[in-house]
Protein backbone atom coordinates (compact mmCIF):
# COMPACT_ATOMS: atom_id res chain seq x y z
CA UNK A 1 -16.36 -32.48 4.68
CA UNK A 2 -15.56 -28.77 3.47
CA UNK A 3 -15.42 -26.47 6.19
CA UNK A 4 -18.50 -24.13 5.96
CA UNK A 5 -17.77 -20.29 6.03
CA UNK A 6 -18.51 -18.31 9.14
CA UNK A 7 -20.66 -14.99 8.68
CA UNK A 8 -17.74 -13.36 10.18
CA UNK A 9 -15.18 -15.23 8.01
CA UNK A 10 -13.79 -11.75 6.34
CA UNK A 11 -13.78 -9.90 10.03
CA UNK A 12 -11.93 -12.98 11.28
CA UNK A 13 -9.72 -13.01 8.09
CA UNK A 14 -8.39 -9.21 7.97
CA UNK A 15 -7.70 -9.48 11.83
CA UNK A 16 -5.47 -12.59 10.85
CA UNK A 17 -3.66 -10.83 8.41
CA UNK A 18 -3.08 -7.96 10.57
CA UNK A 19 -1.67 -10.41 13.26
CA UNK A 20 0.49 -12.18 10.79
CA UNK A 21 2.13 -8.97 9.53
CA UNK A 22 2.90 -7.80 12.93
CA UNK A 23 4.38 -10.97 13.80
CA UNK A 24 6.40 -10.87 10.33
CA UNK A 25 7.38 -7.37 11.06
CA UNK A 26 8.42 -7.55 14.40
CA UNK A 27 10.15 -11.16 14.17
CA UNK A 28 11.37 -11.01 10.96
CA UNK A 29 10.37 -12.98 7.70
CA UNK A 30 12.81 -16.22 8.24
CA UNK A 31 12.05 -16.39 11.94
CA UNK A 32 8.38 -16.14 12.45
CA UNK A 33 6.69 -19.13 12.03
CA UNK A 34 3.09 -20.53 11.21
CA UNK A 35 2.70 -21.74 14.72
CA UNK A 36 3.75 -18.39 16.42
CA UNK A 37 1.23 -16.58 13.92
CA UNK A 38 -1.75 -18.97 14.79
CA UNK A 39 -0.97 -18.74 18.81
CA UNK A 40 -0.84 -14.77 18.42
CA UNK A 41 -3.76 -14.94 16.21
CA UNK A 42 -5.89 -17.30 18.64
CA UNK A 43 -6.45 -19.83 15.86
CA UNK A 44 -5.47 -23.57 15.57
CA UNK A 45 -2.54 -24.09 13.16
CA UNK A 46 -4.40 -26.75 11.50
CA UNK A 47 -7.19 -23.69 10.73
CA UNK A 48 -4.16 -21.36 9.53
CA UNK A 49 -2.82 -23.77 6.94
CA UNK A 50 -6.48 -24.35 6.04
CA UNK A 51 -6.60 -21.03 4.55
CA UNK A 52 -3.09 -20.25 3.84
CA UNK A 53 -1.27 -23.24 3.01
CA UNK A 54 2.60 -22.13 3.44
CA UNK A 55 4.30 -18.80 5.02
CA UNK A 56 4.57 -17.69 1.31
CA UNK A 57 0.89 -17.45 0.95
CA UNK A 58 0.27 -15.67 3.86
CA UNK A 59 2.78 -13.38 2.63
CA UNK A 60 1.53 -12.75 -0.53
CA UNK A 61 -2.08 -12.42 1.05
CA UNK A 62 -1.14 -9.78 2.96
CA UNK A 63 0.54 -7.83 0.44
CA UNK A 64 -2.18 -8.49 -2.00
CA UNK A 65 -4.95 -7.36 0.59
CA UNK A 66 -3.34 -4.28 1.50
CA UNK A 67 -2.59 -3.12 -2.00
CA UNK A 68 -6.30 -3.97 -3.15
CA UNK A 69 -7.67 -2.02 -0.17
CA UNK A 70 -5.67 0.87 -1.30
CA UNK A 71 -6.65 0.60 -4.98
CA UNK A 72 -10.24 0.73 -3.87
CA UNK A 73 -9.64 3.52 -1.63
CA UNK A 74 -8.05 5.38 -4.27
CA UNK A 75 -11.24 4.73 -6.72
CA UNK A 76 -13.56 5.94 -4.32
CA UNK A 77 -11.68 9.44 -3.96
CA UNK A 78 -11.23 9.96 -7.53
CA UNK A 79 -13.51 12.99 -7.88
CA UNK A 80 -13.27 14.37 -11.71
CA UNK A 81 -15.45 17.50 -10.79
CA UNK A 82 -12.17 18.62 -8.63
CA UNK A 83 -9.67 20.80 -10.14
CA UNK A 84 -6.69 18.52 -11.03
CA UNK A 85 -4.49 19.98 -8.09
CA UNK A 86 -6.97 19.07 -5.46
CA UNK A 87 -7.68 15.95 -7.08
CA UNK A 88 -4.00 15.12 -6.56
CA UNK A 89 -4.23 16.35 -2.90
CA UNK A 90 -7.00 14.20 -2.18
CA UNK A 91 -5.34 11.11 -3.60
CA UNK A 92 -2.21 11.95 -1.64
CA UNK A 93 -4.34 12.05 1.77
CA UNK A 94 -6.03 9.08 0.79
CA UNK A 95 -2.90 7.44 0.38
CA UNK A 96 -1.97 8.68 3.73
CA UNK A 97 -5.08 7.67 5.78
CA UNK A 98 -4.98 4.27 4.33
CA UNK A 99 -1.55 3.99 5.42
CA UNK A 100 -2.51 4.67 9.06
CA UNK A 101 -2.02 1.64 11.05
CA UNK A 102 -0.51 -0.10 8.27
CA UNK A 103 3.59 0.14 9.27
CA UNK A 104 3.52 -3.95 9.58
CA UNK A 105 2.30 -4.54 5.60
CA UNK A 106 4.66 -1.95 4.99
CA UNK A 107 7.58 -3.83 6.43
CA UNK A 108 6.13 -7.16 5.16
CA UNK A 109 6.15 -5.51 1.66
CA UNK A 110 9.66 -4.44 1.25
CA UNK A 111 11.15 -7.36 3.00
CA UNK A 112 8.97 -10.25 1.30
CA UNK A 113 11.90 -10.62 -1.27
CA UNK A 114 12.22 -14.50 -2.12
CA UNK A 115 9.10 -15.58 -0.28
CA UNK A 116 7.16 -14.46 -3.70
CA UNK A 117 7.10 -16.44 -6.76
CA UNK A 118 7.58 -15.00 -10.08
CA UNK A 119 3.81 -15.07 -10.80
CA UNK A 120 2.94 -13.55 -7.31
CA UNK A 121 5.18 -10.76 -7.95
CA UNK A 122 3.74 -10.14 -11.28
CA UNK A 123 0.10 -10.06 -9.81
CA UNK A 124 1.51 -7.64 -6.90
CA UNK A 125 3.01 -5.48 -10.12
CA UNK A 126 -0.27 -5.26 -12.08
CA UNK A 127 -1.73 -3.60 -8.46
CA UNK A 128 0.90 -1.47 -8.22
CA UNK A 129 0.83 -0.01 -11.46
CA UNK A 130 -2.63 0.72 -11.49
CA UNK A 131 -2.36 2.45 -8.03
CA UNK A 132 0.41 4.52 -9.39
CA UNK A 133 -1.43 5.32 -12.63
CA UNK A 134 -4.37 7.18 -10.34
CA UNK A 135 -1.44 9.78 -9.53
CA UNK A 136 0.35 9.70 -13.02
CA UNK A 137 -2.75 10.48 -14.72
CA UNK A 138 -3.23 13.35 -12.54
CA UNK A 139 -0.03 14.68 -12.84
CA UNK A 140 0.06 14.52 -16.24
CA UNK A 141 -3.08 16.22 -16.74
CA UNK A 142 -1.82 19.33 -14.72
CA UNK A 143 1.67 19.18 -16.45
CA UNK A 144 1.48 17.41 -19.96
CA UNK A 145 5.07 18.73 -20.75
CA UNK A 146 6.23 15.75 -18.33
CA UNK A 147 4.90 13.07 -20.88
CA UNK A 148 6.78 14.30 -24.21
CA UNK A 149 8.47 11.10 -26.09
CA UNK A 150 11.81 13.00 -26.22
CA UNK A 151 12.16 13.39 -22.30
CA UNK A 152 9.84 11.14 -20.34
CA UNK A 153 9.74 12.53 -17.01
CA UNK A 154 6.39 11.87 -15.93
CA UNK A 155 7.28 8.66 -14.26
CA UNK A 156 10.08 9.80 -12.30
CA UNK A 157 7.85 12.66 -10.96
CA UNK A 158 5.42 10.33 -9.89
CA UNK A 159 7.60 8.29 -8.20
CA UNK A 160 9.39 10.98 -6.38
CA UNK A 161 5.73 11.79 -5.15
CA UNK A 162 5.27 7.58 -3.95
CA UNK A 163 8.90 8.43 -2.50
CA UNK A 164 7.85 10.95 -0.26
CA UNK A 165 4.65 8.85 0.74
CA UNK A 166 5.83 5.15 0.96
CA UNK A 167 8.50 6.01 3.63
CA UNK A 168 6.56 8.52 5.82
CA UNK A 169 6.18 5.36 8.00
CA UNK A 170 9.74 5.85 8.95
CA UNK A 171 9.13 9.42 10.73
CA UNK A 172 5.63 10.27 10.77
CA UNK A 173 3.54 10.18 14.29
CA UNK A 174 0.27 10.95 14.35
CA UNK A 175 0.65 12.87 18.18
CA UNK A 176 3.62 14.98 15.94
CA UNK A 177 3.15 18.41 15.08
CA UNK A 178 2.30 17.98 11.54
CA UNK A 179 -0.95 16.36 10.68
CA UNK A 180 -1.91 13.80 7.98
CA UNK A 181 -3.83 16.90 6.39
CA UNK A 182 -0.67 19.06 6.55
CA UNK A 183 1.72 16.57 5.26
CA UNK A 184 -0.71 16.14 2.35
CA UNK A 185 -0.76 19.52 1.43
CA UNK A 186 3.30 19.86 1.77
CA UNK A 187 3.58 16.65 -0.66
CA UNK A 188 1.25 17.71 -3.21
CA UNK A 189 2.92 21.36 -3.12
CA UNK A 190 6.16 20.21 -3.65
CA UNK A 191 5.19 18.20 -6.92
CA UNK A 192 3.05 20.99 -7.85
CA UNK A 193 5.63 23.70 -7.47
CA UNK A 194 8.57 21.49 -8.22
CA UNK A 195 7.70 20.63 -11.70
CA UNK A 196 7.30 24.21 -12.95
CA UNK A 197 11.24 24.13 -13.03
CA UNK A 198 11.82 20.98 -14.62
CA UNK A 199 12.43 20.80 -18.47
């Protein structure tokens, strides 16, 4: 007989993924076991395997869920009525807010490596490209010259912005002297002012 889905299934599933991400991030991808994750999450190992038949499937679910949530937040934050510069800053701040408390997911994403199949990597890459396009489209609107066929600099500039944002977990502290809003303005200004010197 198939298991029936509990009313709080999605909430419990989300918490399970957060717990699993923490175990992977602190114990390492190879050392962490499904038994340990089940124990930390307060569920039976059989229940964990029911939803995630392997450690690799669980790793994929952690990354995929994190990226989908980020994509959804960026879609909701996109405001065509705002000037492009303000639109970009809003996207940057949205991304920084989505990164709040997501350090474990970042570590899992960076260290997933061979745990993912070619198909899983392809699916995540599609998501990542859609996320990047939210930013590159606005940057191109601000500085169309970056997208010249003879000197295509739009993607390098966009990924430079992502470099600033994706590694923020290494040094940023919410109790520190710089707020997420401050850093969103700083990162956006570095891009908007910096590209003016790009030829």
